[in-house]
Protein backbone atom coordinates (compact mmCIF):
# COMPACT_ATOMS: atom_id res chain seq x y z
CA UNK A 1 112.25 75.32 65.91
CA UNK A 2 115.17 77.24 67.36
CA UNK A 3 115.27 79.29 64.28
CA UNK A 4 111.68 80.26 64.53
CA UNK A 5 112.38 81.16 68.24
CA UNK A 6 115.20 83.38 67.07
CA UNK A 7 112.63 85.03 64.56
CA UNK A 8 110.27 85.48 66.90
CA UNK A 9 112.66 87.45 69.56
CA UNK A 10 114.16 89.61 66.97
CA UNK A 11 111.03 90.60 65.62
CA UNK A 12 109.35 91.82 69.13
CA UNK A 13 108.79 94.63 70.92
CA UNK A 14 109.98 94.87 74.68
CA UNK A 15 106.41 94.75 75.99
CA UNK A 16 106.09 91.57 73.93
CA UNK A 17 109.20 89.89 75.23
CA UNK A 18 107.92 90.75 78.72
CA UNK A 19 104.85 88.92 77.83
CA UNK A 20 106.72 86.26 76.36
CA UNK A 21 108.97 85.82 79.46
CA UNK A 22 106.20 85.73 81.63
CA UNK A 23 104.39 83.01 79.88
CA UNK A 24 107.50 81.14 80.15
CA UNK A 25 108.12 81.43 83.48
CA UNK A 26 104.78 80.31 84.30
CA UNK A 27 104.56 77.36 82.07
CA UNK A 28 108.27 76.55 83.84
CA UNK A 29 106.32 76.85 87.14
CA UNK A 30 103.59 74.29 85.92
CA UNK A 31 106.08 71.86 84.35
CA UNK A 32 108.27 71.91 87.67
CA UNK A 33 105.10 71.11 89.42
CA UNK A 34 104.89 67.76 87.90
CA UNK A 35 108.24 66.42 88.65
CA UNK A 36 109.69 65.23 91.71
CA UNK A 37 111.35 67.44 94.45
CA UNK A 38 114.54 67.24 92.74
CA UNK A 39 115.73 66.81 89.35
CA UNK A 40 119.14 65.27 88.69
CA UNK A 41 121.25 67.43 85.97
CA UNK A 42 124.18 66.34 84.37
CA UNK A 43 127.79 68.03 85.08
CA UNK A 44 127.34 69.19 80.92
CA UNK A 45 123.77 70.42 81.87
CA UNK A 46 125.01 72.00 85.12
CA UNK A 47 127.80 74.04 83.26
CA UNK A 48 125.32 75.40 80.52
CA UNK A 49 122.96 76.44 83.16
CA UNK A 50 126.03 78.24 84.97
CA UNK A 51 127.25 80.06 81.68
CA UNK A 52 124.07 81.15 80.93
CA UNK A 53 123.09 82.30 84.49
CA UNK A 54 125.96 83.64 85.32
CA UNK A 55 125.18 86.51 83.04
CA UNK A 56 121.87 87.44 84.61
CA UNK A 57 123.61 87.90 87.90
CA UNK A 58 121.23 88.71 90.61
CA UNK A 59 118.39 88.75 88.16
CA UNK A 60 118.67 85.06 88.03
CA UNK A 61 117.11 84.79 91.48
CA UNK A 62 113.94 86.80 90.37
CA UNK A 63 113.74 83.90 87.63
CA UNK A 64 114.16 80.70 89.68
CA UNK A 65 112.12 81.89 92.50
CA UNK A 66 109.91 84.72 91.42
């Protein structure tokens, strides 16, 4: 599955990528609405989120809140 996702991203235009990101954000919102208020994460999961989230800088807030 991961390999197919990479192939999809590699062959996508900027407009297509923006559409894919919008879809994933909406899907994430729908799935989050089905979870309890707070979802516990392990230290390993938190570190992974910090590692990749820190590369986004201020844009991360837009992803999480927006």
